[in-house]
Amino acid sequence: QYSVQVMEDHAEYLRTRAPGMPERPAARHVLTLRLTRLLWHQTLRLGLFALGSPNDGDWYVSPEARYQVTDALSVTAGLNLFGGPRRTEFGQFGENSNLYAVVRYAF
């Protein structure tokens, strides 16, 4: 998927931004991708979500694996990976990439 986030009144933003603050473009281009695969009689779900901005150079990637142990119990593990220049939307979180695990019991 491709989308564009457009800043209204970009000229006013440029006029009033604080000294030393990086200049943001009038339009932020964003590409997203989601892939999902079901395996083992739909008890294992593998997923990948990726987002990137070509003009800012930042990105976010989130792979995930979920296993349905029983009808009531599932186990999930995944990653949140951030990157790009430090002053961008996702690049600022570059040192906060993480691994997560979830055990869910529904009754």
PDB file of N, CA and C in Angstrom:
ATOM      1  N   GLN A   1       0.848  -1.162   0.000  1.00  0.00           N
ATOM      2  CA  GLN A   1       0.000   0.000   0.000  1.00  0.00           C
ATOM      3  C   GLN A   1       0.897   1.229   0.000  1.00  0.00           C
ATOM      4  N   TYR A   2       0.478   2.241  -0.712  1.00  0.00           N
ATOM      5  CA  TYR A   2       1.212   3.502  -0.787  1.00  0.00           C
ATOM      6  C   TYR A   2       0.300   4.616  -0.312  1.00  0.00           C
ATOM      7  N   SER A   3       0.820   5.485   0.547  1.00  0.00           N
ATOM      8  CA  SER A   3       0.034   6.637   0.983  1.00  0.00           C
ATOM      9  C   SER A   3       0.945   7.853   1.106  1.00  0.00           C
ATOM     10  N   VAL A   4       0.327   9.021   1.090  1.00  0.00           N
ATOM     11  CA  VAL A   4       1.051  10.279   1.238  1.00  0.00           C
ATOM     12  C   VAL A   4       0.393  11.071   2.357  1.00  0.00           C
ATOM     13  N   GLN A   5       1.202  11.516   3.303  1.00  0.00           N
ATOM     14  CA  GLN A   5       0.726  12.381   4.381  1.00  0.00           C
ATOM     15  C   GLN A   5       1.173  13.796   4.032  1.00  0.00           C
ATOM     16  N   VAL A   6       0.208  14.691   3.792  1.00  0.00           N
ATOM     17  CA  VAL A   6       0.516  16.048   3.346  1.00  0.00           C
ATOM     18  C   VAL A   6       0.307  17.025   4.499  1.00  0.00           C
ATOM     19  N   MET A   7       1.312  17.872   4.742  1.00  0.00           N
ATOM     20  CA  MET A   7       1.217  18.888   5.781  1.00  0.00           C
ATOM     21  C   MET A   7       0.558  20.131   5.191  1.00  0.00           C
ATOM     22  N   GLU A   8      -0.536  20.551   5.790  1.00  0.00           N
ATOM     23  CA  GLU A   8      -1.203  21.765   5.326  1.00  0.00           C
ATOM     24  C   GLU A   8      -0.380  22.986   5.732  1.00  0.00           C
ATOM     25  N   ASP A   9      -0.399  24.002   4.916  1.00  0.00           N
ATOM     26  CA  ASP A   9       0.275  25.277   5.175  1.00  0.00           C
ATOM     27  C   ASP A   9       1.752  25.084   5.526  1.00  0.00           C
ATOM     28  N   HIS A  10       2.452  24.361   4.664  1.00  0.00           N
ATOM     29  CA  HIS A  10       3.864  24.060   4.886  1.00  0.00           C
ATOM     30  C   HIS A  10       4.710  25.330   4.971  1.00  0.00           C
ATOM     31  N   ALA A  11       4.349  26.364   4.225  1.00  0.00           N
ATOM     32  CA  ALA A  11       5.106  27.624   4.259  1.00  0.00           C
ATOM     33  C   ALA A  11       5.055  28.244   5.654  1.00  0.00           C
ATOM     34  N   GLU A  12       3.908  28.182   6.307  1.00  0.00           N
ATOM     35  CA  GLU A  12       3.773  28.714   7.671  1.00  0.00           C
ATOM     36  C   GLU A  12       4.601  27.888   8.655  1.00  0.00           C
ATOM     37  N   TYR A  13       4.623  26.584   8.460  1.00  0.00           N
ATOM     38  CA  TYR A  13       5.458  25.707   9.291  1.00  0.00           C
ATOM     39  C   TYR A  13       6.931  26.104   9.172  1.00  0.00           C
ATOM     40  N   LEU A  14       7.400  26.316   7.947  1.00  0.00           N
ATOM     41  CA  LEU A  14       8.797  26.705   7.736  1.00  0.00           C
ATOM     42  C   LEU A  14       9.102  28.055   8.387  1.00  0.00           C
ATOM     43  N   ARG A  15       8.157  28.962   8.318  1.00  0.00           N
ATOM     44  CA  ARG A  15       8.356  30.301   8.876  1.00  0.00           C
ATOM     45  C   ARG A  15       8.445  30.264  10.398  1.00  0.00           C
ATOM     46  N   THR A  16       7.707  29.372  11.046  1.00  0.00           N
ATOM     47  CA  THR A  16       7.604  29.390  12.505  1.00  0.00           C
ATOM     48  C   THR A  16       8.382  28.285  13.222  1.00  0.00           C
ATOM     49  N   ARG A  17       9.051  27.405  12.498  1.00  0.00           N
ATOM     50  CA  ARG A  17       9.769  26.324  13.196  1.00  0.00           C
ATOM     51  C   ARG A  17      10.955  26.894  13.961  1.00  0.00           C
ATOM     52  N   ALA A  18      11.264  26.256  15.069  1.00  0.00           N
ATOM     53  CA  ALA A  18      12.330  26.730  15.957  1.00  0.00           C
ATOM     54  C   ALA A  18      13.705  26.554  15.307  1.00  0.00           C
ATOM     55  N   PRO A  19      14.644  27.428  15.622  1.00  0.00           N
ATOM     56  CA  PRO A  19      16.008  27.294  15.092  1.00  0.00           C
ATOM     57  C   PRO A  19      16.622  25.960  15.529  1.00  0.00           C
ATOM     58  N   GLY A  20      17.320  25.319  14.603  1.00  0.00           N
ATOM     59  CA  GLY A  20      17.958  24.044  14.905  1.00  0.00           C
ATOM     60  C   GLY A  20      17.077  22.832  14.699  1.00  0.00           C
ATOM     61  N   MET A  21      15.788  23.025  14.538  1.00  0.00           N
ATOM     62  CA  MET A  21      14.876  21.902  14.300  1.00  0.00           C
ATOM     63  C   MET A  21      14.997  21.471  12.838  1.00  0.00           C
ATOM     64  N   PRO A  22      14.983  20.174  12.584  1.00  0.00           N
ATOM     65  CA  PRO A  22      15.098  19.716  11.193  1.00  0.00           C
ATOM     66  C   PRO A  22      13.862  20.113  10.386  1.00  0.00           C
ATOM     67  N   GLU A  23      14.075  20.342   9.114  1.00  0.00           N
ATOM     68  CA  GLU A  23      12.960  20.711   8.236  1.00  0.00           C
ATOM     69  C   GLU A  23      12.242  19.461   7.766  1.00  0.00           C
ATOM     70  N   ARG A  24      10.937  19.419   7.984  1.00  0.00           N
ATOM     71  CA  ARG A  24      10.124  18.297   7.517  1.00  0.00           C
ATOM     72  C   ARG A  24       9.603  18.621   6.119  1.00  0.00           C
ATOM     73  N   PRO A  25       9.511  17.616   5.255  1.00  0.00           N
ATOM     74  CA  PRO A  25       8.994  17.867   3.904  1.00  0.00           C
ATOM     75  C   PRO A  25       7.487  18.133   3.929  1.00  0.00           C
ATOM     76  N   ALA A  26       6.989  18.748   2.883  1.00  0.00           N
ATOM     77  CA  ALA A  26       5.554  19.026   2.788  1.00  0.00           C
ATOM     78  C   ALA A  26       4.750  17.741   2.651  1.00  0.00           C
ATOM     79  N   ALA A  27       5.349  16.705   2.079  1.00  0.00           N
ATOM     80  CA  ALA A  27       4.653  15.424   1.894  1.00  0.00           C
ATOM     81  C   ALA A  27       5.549  14.286   2.383  1.00  0.00           C
ATOM     82  N   ARG A  28       4.968  13.387   3.169  1.00  0.00           N
ATOM     83  CA  ARG A  28       5.688  12.197   3.648  1.00  0.00           C
ATOM     84  C   ARG A  28       5.107  10.997   2.913  1.00  0.00           C
ATOM     85  N   HIS A  29       5.939  10.320   2.134  1.00  0.00           N
ATOM     86  CA  HIS A  29       5.516   9.146   1.375  1.00  0.00           C
ATOM     87  C   HIS A  29       5.734   7.904   2.238  1.00  0.00           C
ATOM     88  N   VAL A  30       4.736   7.025   2.276  1.00  0.00           N
ATOM     89  CA  VAL A  30       4.798   5.839   3.134  1.00  0.00           C
ATOM     90  C   VAL A  30       4.377   4.608   2.333  1.00  0.00           C
ATOM     91  N   LEU A  31       5.177   3.542   2.436  1.00  0.00           N
ATOM     92  CA  LEU A  31       4.859   2.249   1.829  1.00  0.00           C
ATOM     93  C   LEU A  31       4.638   1.239   2.948  1.00  0.00           C
ATOM     94  N   THR A  32       3.582   0.433   2.845  1.00  0.00           N
ATOM     95  CA  THR A  32       3.328  -0.601   3.846  1.00  0.00           C
ATOM     96  C   THR A  32       3.135  -1.946   3.159  1.00  0.00           C
ATOM     97  N   LEU A  33       3.438  -3.004   3.917  1.00  0.00           N
ATOM     98  CA  LEU A  33       3.304  -4.368   3.416  1.00  0.00           C
ATOM     99  C   LEU A  33       2.865  -5.258   4.565  1.00  0.00           C
ATOM    100  N   ARG A  34       1.877  -6.113   4.333  1.00  0.00           N
ATOM    101  CA  ARG A  34       1.461  -7.107   5.321  1.00  0.00           C
ATOM    102  C   ARG A  34       1.364  -8.459   4.625  1.00  0.00           C
ATOM    103  N   LEU A  35       2.053  -9.443   5.202  1.00  0.00           N
ATOM    104  CA  LEU A  35       2.011 -10.816   4.702  1.00  0.00           C
ATOM    105  C   LEU A  35       1.571 -11.725   5.841  1.00  0.00           C
ATOM    106  N   THR A  36       0.690 -12.674   5.538  1.00  0.00           N
ATOM    107  CA  THR A  36       0.228 -13.641   6.535  1.00  0.00           C
ATOM    108  C   THR A  36       0.175 -15.008   5.888  1.00  0.00           C
ATOM    109  N   ARG A  37       0.631 -16.010   6.629  1.00  0.00           N
ATOM    110  CA  ARG A  37       0.609 -17.387   6.128  1.00  0.00           C
ATOM    111  C   ARG A  37       0.100 -18.296   7.243  1.00  0.00           C
ATOM    112  N   LEU A  38      -0.906 -19.119   6.931  1.00  0.00           N
ATOM    113  CA  LEU A  38      -1.438 -20.098   7.875  1.00  0.00           C
ATOM    114  C   LEU A  38      -0.896 -21.474   7.517  1.00  0.00           C
ATOM    115  N   LEU A  39      -0.401 -22.203   8.528  1.00  0.00           N
ATOM    116  CA  LEU A  39       0.194 -23.520   8.327  1.00  0.00           C
ATOM    117  C   LEU A  39      -0.364 -24.502   9.354  1.00  0.00           C
ATOM    118  N   TRP A  40      -0.046 -25.778   9.168  1.00  0.00           N
ATOM    119  CA  TRP A  40      -0.406 -26.842  10.110  1.00  0.00           C
ATOM    120  C   TRP A  40      -1.897 -26.800  10.462  1.00  0.00           C
ATOM    121  N   HIS A  41      -2.733 -26.912   9.461  1.00  0.00           N
ATOM    122  CA  HIS A  41      -4.191 -26.897   9.647  1.00  0.00           C
ATOM    123  C   HIS A  41      -4.648 -25.634  10.366  1.00  0.00           C
ATOM    124  N   GLN A  42      -4.052 -24.516  10.036  1.00  0.00           N
ATOM    125  CA  GLN A  42      -4.368 -23.188  10.551  1.00  0.00           C
ATOM    126  C   GLN A  42      -4.110 -23.037  12.049  1.00  0.00           C
ATOM    127  N   THR A  43      -3.210 -23.837  12.607  1.00  0.00           N
ATOM    128  CA  THR A  43      -2.840 -23.661  14.012  1.00  0.00           C
ATOM    129  C   THR A  43      -1.598 -22.780  14.161  1.00  0.00           C
ATOM    130  N   LEU A  44      -0.835 -22.603  13.092  1.00  0.00           N
ATOM    131  CA  LEU A  44       0.344 -21.739  13.118  1.00  0.00           C
ATOM    132  C   LEU A  44       0.127 -20.589  12.142  1.00  0.00           C
ATOM    133  N   ARG A  45       0.240 -19.373  12.655  1.00  0.00           N
ATOM    134  CA  ARG A  45       0.097 -18.187  11.805  1.00  0.00           C
ATOM    135  C   ARG A  45       1.415 -17.419  11.828  1.00  0.00           C
ATOM    136  N   LEU A  46       2.003 -17.230  10.661  1.00  0.00           N
ATOM    137  CA  LEU A  46       3.211 -16.426  10.512  1.00  0.00           C
ATOM    138  C   LEU A  46       2.819 -15.106   9.865  1.00  0.00           C
ATOM    139  N   GLY A  47       3.279 -14.020  10.420  1.00  0.00           N
ATOM    140  CA  GLY A  47       2.911 -12.719   9.885  1.00  0.00           C
ATOM    141  C   GLY A  47       4.090 -11.770   9.827  1.00  0.00           C
ATOM    142  N   LEU A  48       4.003 -10.829   8.901  1.00  0.00           N
ATOM    143  CA  LEU A  48       5.018  -9.796   8.768  1.00  0.00           C
ATOM    144  C   LEU A  48       4.325  -8.496   8.393  1.00  0.00           C
ATOM    145  N   PHE A  49       4.618  -7.433   9.144  1.00  0.00           N
ATOM    146  CA  PHE A  49       4.151  -6.102   8.799  1.00  0.00           C
ATOM    147  C   PHE A  49       5.384  -5.224   8.642  1.00  0.00           C
ATOM    148  N   ALA A  50       5.459  -4.487   7.544  1.00  0.00           N
ATOM    149  CA  ALA A  50       6.596  -3.598   7.297  1.00  0.00           C
ATOM    150  C   ALA A  50       6.086  -2.252   6.808  1.00  0.00           C
ATOM    151  N   LEU A  51       6.736  -1.197   7.279  1.00  0.00           N
ATOM    152  CA  LEU A  51       6.366   0.162   6.909  1.00  0.00           C
ATOM    153  C   LEU A  51       7.655   0.938   6.669  1.00  0.00           C
ATOM    154  N   GLY A  52       7.701   1.708   5.611  1.00  0.00           N
ATOM    155  CA  GLY A  52       8.889   2.502   5.323  1.00  0.00           C
ATOM    156  C   GLY A  52       8.544   3.800   4.628  1.00  0.00           C
ATOM    157  N   SER A  53       9.352   4.812   4.879  1.00  0.00           N
ATOM    158  CA  SER A  53       9.180   6.102   4.226  1.00  0.00           C
ATOM    159  C   SER A  53      10.407   6.375   3.362  1.00  0.00           C
ATOM    160  N   PRO A  54      10.264   6.300   2.031  1.00  0.00           N
ATOM    161  CA  PRO A  54      11.418   6.507   1.156  1.00  0.00           C
ATOM    162  C   PRO A  54      12.026   7.908   1.264  1.00  0.00           C
ATOM    163  N   ASN A  55      11.214   8.931   1.476  1.00  0.00           N
ATOM    164  CA  ASN A  55      11.798  10.274   1.521  1.00  0.00           C
ATOM    165  C   ASN A  55      12.411  10.605   2.887  1.00  0.00           C
ATOM    166  N   ASP A  56      11.970   9.964   3.983  1.00  0.00           N
ATOM    167  CA  ASP A  56      12.581  10.185   5.299  1.00  0.00           C
ATOM    168  C   ASP A  56      13.643   9.136   5.613  1.00  0.00           C
ATOM    169  N   GLY A  57      13.564   7.968   4.975  1.00  0.00           N
ATOM    170  CA  GLY A  57      14.541   6.915   5.197  1.00  0.00           C
ATOM    171  C   GLY A  57      14.333   6.118   6.469  1.00  0.00           C
ATOM    172  N   ASP A  58      13.165   6.234   7.095  1.00  0.00           N
ATOM    173  CA  ASP A  58      12.909   5.464   8.313  1.00  0.00           C
ATOM    174  C   ASP A  58      12.012   4.278   8.014  1.00  0.00           C
ATOM    175  N   TRP A  59      11.977   3.304   8.954  1.00  0.00           N
ATOM    176  CA  TRP A  59      11.218   2.074   8.718  1.00  0.00           C
ATOM    177  C   TRP A  59      10.842   1.412  10.036  1.00  0.00           C
ATOM    178  N   TYR A  60       9.846   0.526   9.950  1.00  0.00           N
ATOM    179  CA  TYR A  60       9.380  -0.289  11.076  1.00  0.00           C
ATOM    180  C   TYR A  60       9.038  -1.665  10.511  1.00  0.00           C
ATOM    181  N   VAL A  61       9.523  -2.726  11.159  1.00  0.00           N
ATOM    182  CA  VAL A  61       9.250  -4.098  10.722  1.00  0.00           C
ATOM    183  C   VAL A  61       8.807  -4.896  11.938  1.00  0.00           C
ATOM    184  N   SER A  62       7.739  -5.688  11.777  1.00  0.00           N
ATOM    185  CA  SER A  62       7.214  -6.484  12.886  1.00  0.00           C
ATOM    186  C   SER A  62       6.856  -7.897  12.415  1.00  0.00           C
ATOM    187  N   PRO A  63       7.788  -8.854  12.540  1.00  0.00           N
ATOM    188  CA  PRO A  63       7.453 -10.257  12.263  1.00  0.00           C
ATOM    189  C   PRO A  63       6.812 -10.880  13.509  1.00  0.00           C
ATOM    190  N   GLU A  64       5.907 -11.846  13.289  1.00  0.00           N
ATOM    191  CA  GLU A  64       5.201 -12.473  14.410  1.00  0.00           C
ATOM    192  C   GLU A  64       4.856 -13.915  14.073  1.00  0.00           C
ATOM    193  N   ALA A  65       4.916 -14.787  15.084  1.00  0.00           N
ATOM    194  CA  ALA A  65       4.492 -16.184  14.948  1.00  0.00           C
ATOM    195  C   ALA A  65       3.518 -16.483  16.080  1.00  0.00           C
ATOM    196  N   ARG A  66       2.376 -17.077  15.726  1.00  0.00           N
ATOM    197  CA  ARG A  66       1.358 -17.418  16.726  1.00  0.00           C
ATOM    198  C   ARG A  66       0.969 -18.876  16.536  1.00  0.00           C
ATOM    199  N   TYR A  67       1.010 -19.627  17.627  1.00  0.00           N
ATOM    200  CA  TYR A  67       0.640 -21.040  17.591  1.00  0.00           C
ATOM    201  C   TYR A  67      -0.577 -21.255  18.479  1.00  0.00           C
ATOM    202  N   GLN A  68      -1.618 -21.835  17.909  1.00  0.00           N
ATOM    203  CA  GLN A  68      -2.851 -22.137  18.635  1.00  0.00           C
ATOM    204  C   GLN A  68      -2.697 -23.533  19.226  1.00  0.00           C
ATOM    205  N   VAL A  69      -2.310 -23.619  20.505  1.00  0.00           N
ATOM    206  CA  VAL A  69      -2.046 -24.894  21.165  1.00  0.00           C
ATOM    207  C   VAL A  69      -3.329 -25.706  21.289  1.00  0.00           C
ATOM    208  N   THR A  70      -4.377 -25.070  21.796  1.00  0.00           N
ATOM    209  CA  THR A  70      -5.717 -25.661  21.882  1.00  0.00           C
ATOM    210  C   THR A  70      -6.703 -24.586  21.460  1.00  0.00           C
ATOM    211  N   ASP A  71      -7.998 -24.899  21.497  1.00  0.00           N
ATOM    212  CA  ASP A  71      -8.995 -23.879  21.169  1.00  0.00           C
ATOM    213  C   ASP A  71      -8.923 -22.697  22.134  1.00  0.00           C
ATOM    214  N   ALA A  72      -8.488 -22.936  23.367  1.00  0.00           N
ATOM    215  CA  ALA A  72      -8.465 -21.888  24.383  1.00  0.00           C
ATOM    216  C   ALA A  72      -7.080 -21.280  24.622  1.00  0.00           C
ATOM    217  N   LEU A  73      -6.021 -21.946  24.207  1.00  0.00           N
ATOM    218  CA  LEU A  73      -4.660 -21.515  24.539  1.00  0.00           C
ATOM    219  C   LEU A  73      -3.846 -21.217  23.283  1.00  0.00           C
ATOM    220  N   SER A  74      -3.232 -20.033  23.251  1.00  0.00           N
ATOM    221  CA  SER A  74      -2.333 -19.681  22.145  1.00  0.00           C
ATOM    222  C   SER A  74      -1.049 -19.072  22.701  1.00  0.00           C
ATOM    223  N   VAL A  75       0.018 -19.213  21.927  1.00  0.00           N
ATOM    224  CA  VAL A  75       1.329 -18.676  22.281  1.00  0.00           C
ATOM    225  C   VAL A  75       1.815 -17.845  21.094  1.00  0.00           C
ATOM    226  N   THR A  76       2.288 -16.628  21.375  1.00  0.00           N
ATOM    227  CA  THR A  76       2.734 -15.708  20.326  1.00  0.00           C
ATOM    228  C   THR A  76       4.112 -15.161  20.671  1.00  0.00           C
ATOM    229  N   ALA A  77       4.949 -15.002  19.653  1.00  0.00           N
ATOM    230  CA  ALA A  77       6.247 -14.337  19.810  1.00  0.00           C
ATOM    231  C   ALA A  77       6.462 -13.435  18.604  1.00  0.00           C
ATOM    232  N   GLY A  78       7.081 -12.289  18.838  1.00  0.00           N
ATOM    233  CA  GLY A  78       7.311 -11.366  17.733  1.00  0.00           C
ATOM    234  C   GLY A  78       8.383 -10.345  18.053  1.00  0.00           C
ATOM    235  N   LEU A  79       8.649  -9.498  17.081  1.00  0.00           N
ATOM    236  CA  LEU A  79       9.653  -8.441  17.196  1.00  0.00           C
ATOM    237  C   LEU A  79       9.052  -7.121  16.751  1.00  0.00           C
ATOM    238  N   ASN A  80       9.518  -6.028  17.330  1.00  0.00           N
ATOM    239  CA  ASN A  80       9.262  -4.678  16.852  1.00  0.00           C
ATOM    240  C   ASN A  80      10.628  -4.075  16.550  1.00  0.00           C
ATOM    241  N   LEU A  81      10.924  -3.851  15.279  1.00  0.00           N
ATOM    242  CA  LEU A  81      12.227  -3.340  14.857  1.00  0.00           C
ATOM    243  C   LEU A  81      12.055  -1.962  14.226  1.00  0.00           C
ATOM    244  N   PHE A  82      12.801  -0.983  14.719  1.00  0.00           N
ATOM    245  CA  PHE A  82      12.730   0.390  14.236  1.00  0.00           C
ATOM    246  C   PHE A  82      14.085   0.804  13.684  1.00  0.00           C
ATOM    247  N   GLY A  83      14.089   1.664  12.657  1.00  0.00           N
ATOM    248  CA  GLY A  83      15.351   2.145  12.126  1.00  0.00           C
ATOM    249  C   GLY A  83      15.192   3.389  11.289  1.00  0.00           C
ATOM    250  N   GLY A  84      16.325   3.990  10.961  1.00  0.00           N
ATOM    251  CA  GLY A  84      16.340   5.192  10.143  1.00  0.00           C
ATOM    252  C   GLY A  84      17.064   6.318  10.847  1.00  0.00           C
ATOM    253  N   PRO A  85      17.154   7.478  10.204  1.00  0.00           N
ATOM    254  CA  PRO A  85      17.793   8.632  10.834  1.00  0.00           C
ATOM    255  C   PRO A  85      17.111   8.989  12.158  1.00  0.00           C
ATOM    256  N   ARG A  86      17.898   9.428  13.115  1.00  0.00           N
ATOM    257  CA  ARG A  86      17.422   9.651  14.487  1.00  0.00           C
ATOM    258  C   ARG A  86      16.251  10.637  14.598  1.00  0.00           C
ATOM    259  N   ARG A  87      16.154  11.605  13.725  1.00  0.00           N
ATOM    260  CA  ARG A  87      15.098  12.624  13.842  1.00  0.00           C
ATOM    261  C   ARG A  87      13.871  12.324  12.980  1.00  0.00           C
ATOM    262  N   THR A  88      13.668  11.065  12.633  1.00  0.00           N
ATOM    263  CA  THR A  88      12.494  10.690  11.843  1.00  0.00           C
ATOM    264  C   THR A  88      11.473   9.995  12.732  1.00  0.00           C
ATOM    265  N   GLU A  89      10.276   9.807  12.196  1.00  0.00           N
ATOM    266  CA  GLU A  89       9.165   9.255  12.971  1.00  0.00           C
ATOM    267  C   GLU A  89       9.495   7.909  13.609  1.00  0.00           C
ATOM    268  N   PHE A  90      10.095   6.984  12.861  1.00  0.00           N
ATOM    269  CA  PHE A  90      10.436   5.674  13.415  1.00  0.00           C
ATOM    270  C   PHE A  90      11.908   5.565  13.796  1.00  0.00           C
ATOM    271  N   GLY A  91      12.776   6.348  13.186  1.00  0.00           N
ATOM    272  CA  GLY A  91      14.189   6.319  13.529  1.00  0.00           C
ATOM    273  C   GLY A  91      14.455   6.723  14.967  1.00  0.00           C
ATOM    274  N   GLN A  92      13.612   7.594  15.522  1.00  0.00           N
ATOM    275  CA  GLN A  92      13.792   8.031  16.907  1.00  0.00           C
ATOM    276  C   GLN A  92      13.640   6.881  17.902  1.00  0.00           C
ATOM    277  N   PHE A  93      13.001   5.787  17.473  1.00  0.00           N
ATOM    278  CA  PHE A  93      12.809   4.630  18.344  1.00  0.00           C
ATOM    279  C   PHE A  93      13.836   3.530  18.082  1.00  0.00           C
ATOM    280  N   GLY A  94      14.875   3.815  17.311  1.00  0.00           N
ATOM    281  CA  GLY A  94      15.855   2.809  16.906  1.00  0.00           C
ATOM    282  C   GLY A  94      16.445   2.002  18.040  1.00  0.00           C
ATOM    283  N   GLU A  95      16.650   2.620  19.190  1.00  0.00           N
ATOM    284  CA  GLU A  95      17.212   1.906  20.337  1.00  0.00           C
ATOM    285  C   GLU A  95      16.142   1.197  21.159  1.00  0.00           C
ATOM    286  N   ASN A  96      14.888   1.285  20.739  1.00  0.00           N
ATOM    287  CA  ASN A  96      13.785   0.671  21.476  1.00  0.00           C
ATOM    288  C   ASN A  96      13.206  -0.547  20.772  1.00  0.00           C
ATOM    289  N   SER A  97      13.922  -1.102  19.802  1.00  0.00           N
ATOM    290  CA  SER A  97      13.475  -2.351  19.181  1.00  0.00           C
ATOM    291  C   SER A  97      13.354  -3.401  20.277  1.00  0.00           C
ATOM    292  N   ASN A  98      12.384  -4.312  20.138  1.00  0.00           N
ATOM    293  CA  ASN A  98      12.138  -5.257  21.225  1.00  0.00           C
ATOM    294  C   ASN A  98      11.585  -6.573  20.729  1.00  0.00           C
ATOM    295  N   LEU A  99      11.665  -7.551  21.603  1.00  0.00           N
ATOM    296  CA  LEU A  99      11.116  -8.888  21.408  1.00  0.00           C
ATOM    297  C   LEU A  99       9.978  -9.037  22.405  1.00  0.00           C
ATOM    298  N   TYR A 100       8.870  -9.658  21.997  1.00  0.00           N
ATOM    299  CA  TYR A 100       7.770  -9.863  22.937  1.00  0.00           C
ATOM    300  C   TYR A 100       7.238 -11.282  22.829  1.00  0.00           C
ATOM    301  N   ALA A 101       6.605 -11.713  23.907  1.00  0.00           N
ATOM    302  CA  ALA A 101       5.973 -13.035  23.957  1.00  0.00           C
ATOM    303  C   ALA A 101       4.640 -12.894  24.679  1.00  0.00           C
ATOM    304  N   VAL A 102       3.646 -13.647  24.210  1.00  0.00           N
ATOM    305  CA  VAL A 102       2.304 -13.604  24.788  1.00  0.00           C
ATOM    306  C   VAL A 102       1.797 -15.029  24.952  1.00  0.00           C
ATOM    307  N   VAL A 103       1.240 -15.310  26.107  1.00  0.00           N
ATOM    308  CA  VAL A 103       0.509 -16.555  26.330  1.00  0.00           C
ATOM    309  C   VAL A 103      -0.920 -16.137  26.634  1.00  0.00           C
ATOM    310  N   ARG A 104      -1.866 -16.658  25.850  1.00  0.00           N
ATOM    311  CA  ARG A 104      -3.257 -16.235  26.006  1.00  0.00           C
ATOM    312  C   ARG A 104      -4.147 -17.442  26.250  1.00  0.00           C
ATOM    313  N   TYR A 105      -4.939 -17.333  27.298  1.00  0.00           N
ATOM    314  CA  TYR A 105      -5.918 -18.365  27.614  1.00  0.00           C
ATOM    315  C   TYR A 105      -7.293 -17.711  27.616  1.00  0.00           C
ATOM    316  N   ALA A 106      -8.184 -18.189  26.786  1.00  0.00           N
ATOM    317  CA  ALA A 106      -9.546 -17.648  26.694  1.00  0.00           C
ATOM    318  C   ALA A 106     -10.529 -18.679  27.232  1.00  0.00           C
ATOM    319  N   PHE A 107     -11.472 -18.217  28.011  1.00  0.00           N
ATOM    320  CA  PHE A 107     -12.469 -19.147  28.571  1.00  0.00           C
ATOM    321  C   PHE A 107     -13.852 -18.574  28.453  1.00  0.00           C
TER     322      PHE A 107
END
